[in-house]
Amino acid sequence: KEDDAPLGPGPRDALLQMLAIADRDGFTTKNIENVAGRIEFGSGDEIFGILGHVDVVPAGDGWETNPFEPVIKDGKIYARGSSDDKGPSIAAYYALKLLKDNDIKLNKKVHFIFGTDEESEWVGINRYLEVEPKPDFAISPDANFPIINGEKGIVSYMITFKPVDGADGEMTLVSFKSGL
């Protein structure tokens, strides 16, 4: 790790590259201490967040080619991070760019927020949320189809119920409320 790369040079360089692409395309960007970044578009009082990350887990064994050099094979891109999360993030970025290029006016600010250590301790996103405004609502393209609701708020727990006297032992969930 380097002083200007608290989470390592790879995540820093990936973040700087993403922000450079957005700068090139005329977006407003912000770098938060080389651990997170933001691309802005639109206007309004509410902030719609898109959460992405540019870090990857270690490459591991079994690669037939350099995992950090993209290869197109049978119409698919193979490279470390191409599906988690650089591919989905760049697809979401170009969707945002289409809105910008076609002068689509939004009534909300869009903050496309990039972290640099989603695969470990979330230092980047946590730091971002300490110093920048939190989105009013958000999505993350870092998932599979179909939509996964609440992926950024995973909680695991066990509930134990005491049986009610005279009950047959079967339970039925009659109501469940959650989320937005």
Protein backbone atom coordinates (compact mmCIF):
# COMPACT_ATOMS: atom_id res chain seq x y z
CA LYS A 1 0.00 0.00 0.00
CA GLU A 2 1.06 3.54 -0.71
CA ASP A 3 0.18 6.81 1.03
CA ASP A 4 -2.04 7.85 -1.88
CA ALA A 5 -3.49 4.32 -2.20
CA PRO A 6 -4.80 3.32 1.25
CA LEU A 7 -6.36 0.15 -0.15
CA GLY A 8 -3.59 -0.62 -2.62
CA PRO A 9 -2.60 0.63 -6.06
CA GLY A 10 -4.96 -1.67 -8.00
CA PRO A 11 -8.19 -0.37 -6.48
CA ARG A 12 -6.89 3.23 -6.61
CA ASP A 13 -5.96 2.91 -10.28
CA ALA A 14 -9.33 1.35 -11.15
CA LEU A 15 -11.14 4.20 -9.38
CA LEU A 16 -9.02 6.84 -11.10
CA GLN A 17 -9.68 5.21 -14.48
CA MET A 18 -13.45 5.17 -13.90
CA LEU A 19 -13.45 8.81 -12.84
CA ALA A 20 -11.26 9.72 -15.85
CA ILE A 21 -13.79 8.10 -18.20
CA ALA A 22 -16.58 10.13 -16.59
CA ASP A 23 -14.50 13.34 -16.73
CA ARG A 24 -13.81 12.68 -20.42
CA ASP A 25 -17.56 12.34 -21.01
CA GLY A 26 -18.35 15.64 -19.27
CA PHE A 27 -19.70 14.41 -15.93
CA THR A 28 -18.96 16.07 -12.61
CA THR A 29 -16.81 13.72 -10.52
CA LYS A 30 -15.39 13.63 -7.04
CA ASN A 31 -12.57 11.52 -5.62
CA ILE A 32 -12.85 10.77 -1.92
CA GLU A 33 -9.31 10.09 -0.69
CA ASN A 34 -8.68 7.42 -3.39
CA VAL A 35 -11.01 5.02 -1.53
CA ALA A 36 -14.31 6.04 -3.15
CA GLY A 37 -15.59 8.25 -5.92
CA ARG A 38 -18.73 9.77 -7.31
CA ILE A 39 -20.12 10.62 -10.72
CA GLU A 40 -22.96 13.18 -10.67
CA PHE A 41 -25.82 13.81 -13.07
CA GLY A 42 -29.20 15.49 -12.88
CA SER A 43 -30.65 17.94 -10.42
CA GLY A 44 -33.17 18.00 -7.64
CA ASP A 45 -33.42 17.73 -3.89
CA GLU A 46 -33.41 13.93 -3.68
CA ILE A 47 -30.37 11.79 -4.46
CA PHE A 48 -30.76 8.55 -6.38
CA GLY A 49 -27.69 6.43 -5.72
CA ILE A 50 -26.11 3.80 -7.90
CA LEU A 51 -23.59 1.76 -5.91
CA GLY A 52 -20.74 0.03 -7.69
CA HIS A 53 -17.25 -1.14 -6.87
CA VAL A 54 -14.03 -1.37 -8.83
CA ASP A 55 -12.06 -3.81 -6.67
CA VAL A 56 -11.83 -7.55 -7.28
CA VAL A 57 -11.10 -10.63 -5.26
CA PRO A 58 -7.71 -12.29 -5.89
CA ALA A 59 -7.55 -14.09 -9.22
CA GLY A 60 -6.83 -17.56 -7.89
CA ASP A 61 -5.87 -20.57 -10.01
CA GLY A 62 -7.43 -22.01 -13.13
CA TRP A 63 -7.17 -19.09 -15.51
CA GLU A 64 -6.16 -20.03 -19.07
CA THR A 65 -5.15 -16.42 -19.78
CA ASN A 66 -4.00 -13.43 -17.74
CA PRO A 67 -7.07 -12.66 -15.58
CA PHE A 68 -6.31 -8.94 -15.74
CA GLU A 69 -6.20 -8.81 -19.56
CA PRO A 70 -9.75 -9.08 -21.00
CA VAL A 71 -10.31 -11.81 -23.57
CA ILE A 72 -13.41 -12.15 -25.77
CA LYS A 73 -14.36 -15.79 -26.28
CA ASP A 74 -17.65 -17.00 -27.77
CA GLY A 75 -19.07 -13.47 -27.50
CA LYS A 76 -18.30 -13.15 -23.78
CA ILE A 77 -15.67 -11.08 -21.97
CA TYR A 78 -13.45 -13.05 -19.61
CA ALA A 79 -11.40 -11.09 -17.08
CA ARG A 80 -11.19 -10.69 -13.32
CA GLY A 81 -14.04 -8.43 -12.25
CA SER A 82 -15.94 -8.52 -15.56
CA SER A 83 -19.11 -9.74 -13.83
CA ASP A 84 -18.38 -8.52 -10.28
CA ASP A 85 -18.55 -5.63 -10.60
CA LYS A 86 -16.85 -3.83 -13.45
CA GLY A 87 -19.12 -5.18 -16.19
CA PRO A 88 -22.39 -4.25 -14.45
CA SER A 89 -20.94 -0.92 -13.32
CA ILE A 90 -19.79 0.09 -16.79
CA ALA A 91 -23.17 -0.97 -18.23
CA ALA A 92 -24.93 1.26 -15.68
CA TYR A 93 -22.45 4.05 -16.45
CA TYR A 94 -23.23 3.94 -20.17
CA ALA A 95 -26.97 3.93 -19.41
CA LEU A 96 -26.39 7.14 -17.45
CA LYS A 97 -24.28 8.50 -20.30
CA LEU A 98 -27.13 7.82 -22.75
CA LEU A 99 -29.42 9.95 -20.59
CA LYS A 100 -26.83 12.73 -20.53
CA ASP A 101 -26.02 12.54 -24.25
CA ASN A 102 -29.72 12.67 -25.15
CA ASP A 103 -30.32 15.64 -22.84
CA ILE A 104 -32.83 13.75 -20.69
CA LYS A 105 -33.70 15.97 -17.73
CA LEU A 106 -33.99 14.26 -14.36
CA ASN A 107 -35.84 15.62 -11.32
CA LYS A 108 -33.38 13.94 -8.97
CA LYS A 109 -29.62 14.02 -8.61
CA VAL A 110 -27.92 10.78 -9.55
CA HIS A 111 -24.80 9.93 -7.58
CA PHE A 112 -23.01 6.93 -9.06
CA ILE A 113 -20.85 5.95 -6.10
CA PHE A 114 -17.83 3.68 -6.50
CA GLY A 115 -16.14 1.90 -3.63
CA THR A 116 -12.73 0.26 -3.78
CA ASP A 117 -13.04 -2.58 -1.27
CA GLU A 118 -16.50 -4.11 -1.47
CA GLU A 119 -14.79 -7.48 -1.53
CA SER A 120 -13.40 -6.91 1.98
CA GLU A 121 -14.22 -4.33 4.66
CA TRP A 122 -16.16 -1.57 2.84
CA VAL A 123 -13.68 1.14 3.89
CA GLY A 124 -14.41 3.09 0.69
CA ILE A 125 -18.19 3.23 0.92
CA ASN A 126 -18.08 3.75 4.68
CA ARG A 127 -15.72 6.71 4.23
CA TYR A 128 -17.92 8.09 1.46
CA LEU A 129 -20.98 7.96 3.72
CA GLU A 130 -19.04 9.75 6.49
CA VAL A 131 -18.19 12.77 4.33
CA GLU A 132 -20.75 12.90 1.51
CA PRO A 133 -24.55 13.10 1.40
CA LYS A 134 -26.29 9.74 1.65
CA PRO A 135 -28.61 8.77 -1.21
CA ASP A 136 -32.33 8.88 -0.44
CA PHE A 137 -32.64 5.55 -2.25
CA ALA A 138 -30.24 3.45 -4.27
CA ILE A 139 -29.68 0.44 -6.48
CA SER A 140 -26.62 -1.69 -7.08
CA PRO A 141 -25.95 -3.34 -10.44
CA ASP A 142 -23.66 -5.77 -8.56
CA ALA A 143 -25.94 -8.82 -8.66
CA ASN A 144 -27.57 -11.42 -10.83
CA PHE A 145 -30.85 -11.39 -12.72
CA PRO A 146 -33.59 -11.20 -11.54
CA ILE A 147 -33.45 -8.22 -9.20
CA ILE A 148 -32.24 -8.96 -5.68
CA ASN A 149 -34.01 -6.71 -3.19
CA GLY A 150 -31.98 -5.51 -0.25
CA GLU A 151 -28.59 -6.91 -1.31
CA LYS A 152 -26.83 -4.03 0.46
CA GLY A 153 -28.60 -4.83 3.71
CA ILE A 154 -28.07 -8.51 4.28
CA VAL A 155 -28.89 -9.73 7.78
CA SER A 156 -28.79 -13.32 8.97
CA TYR A 157 -30.60 -14.37 12.11
CA MET A 158 -32.65 -17.18 13.61
CA ILE A 159 -36.09 -16.79 15.16
CA THR A 160 -37.29 -19.30 17.73
CA PHE A 161 -40.95 -19.53 18.70
CA LYS A 162 -42.40 -21.19 21.74
CA PRO A 163 -45.35 -23.41 20.86
CA VAL A 164 -48.75 -22.20 21.93
CA ASP A 165 -50.68 -24.58 24.16
CA GLY A 166 -53.11 -26.57 22.06
CA ALA A 167 -51.48 -25.67 18.71
CA ASP A 168 -50.87 -28.45 16.20
CA GLY A 169 -47.21 -27.46 15.77
CA GLU A 170 -47.60 -25.90 12.31
CA MET A 171 -47.05 -22.20 11.83
CA THR A 172 -48.22 -19.86 9.09
CA LEU A 173 -46.67 -16.51 8.24
CA VAL A 174 -49.65 -14.18 7.92
CA SER A 175 -47.86 -10.85 7.38
CA PHE A 176 -44.40 -9.59 6.47
CA LYS A 177 -43.51 -5.94 5.88
CA SER A 178 -40.13 -4.64 4.87
CA GLY A 179 -38.04 -2.11 3.06
CA LEU A 180 -39.03 0.88 1.01
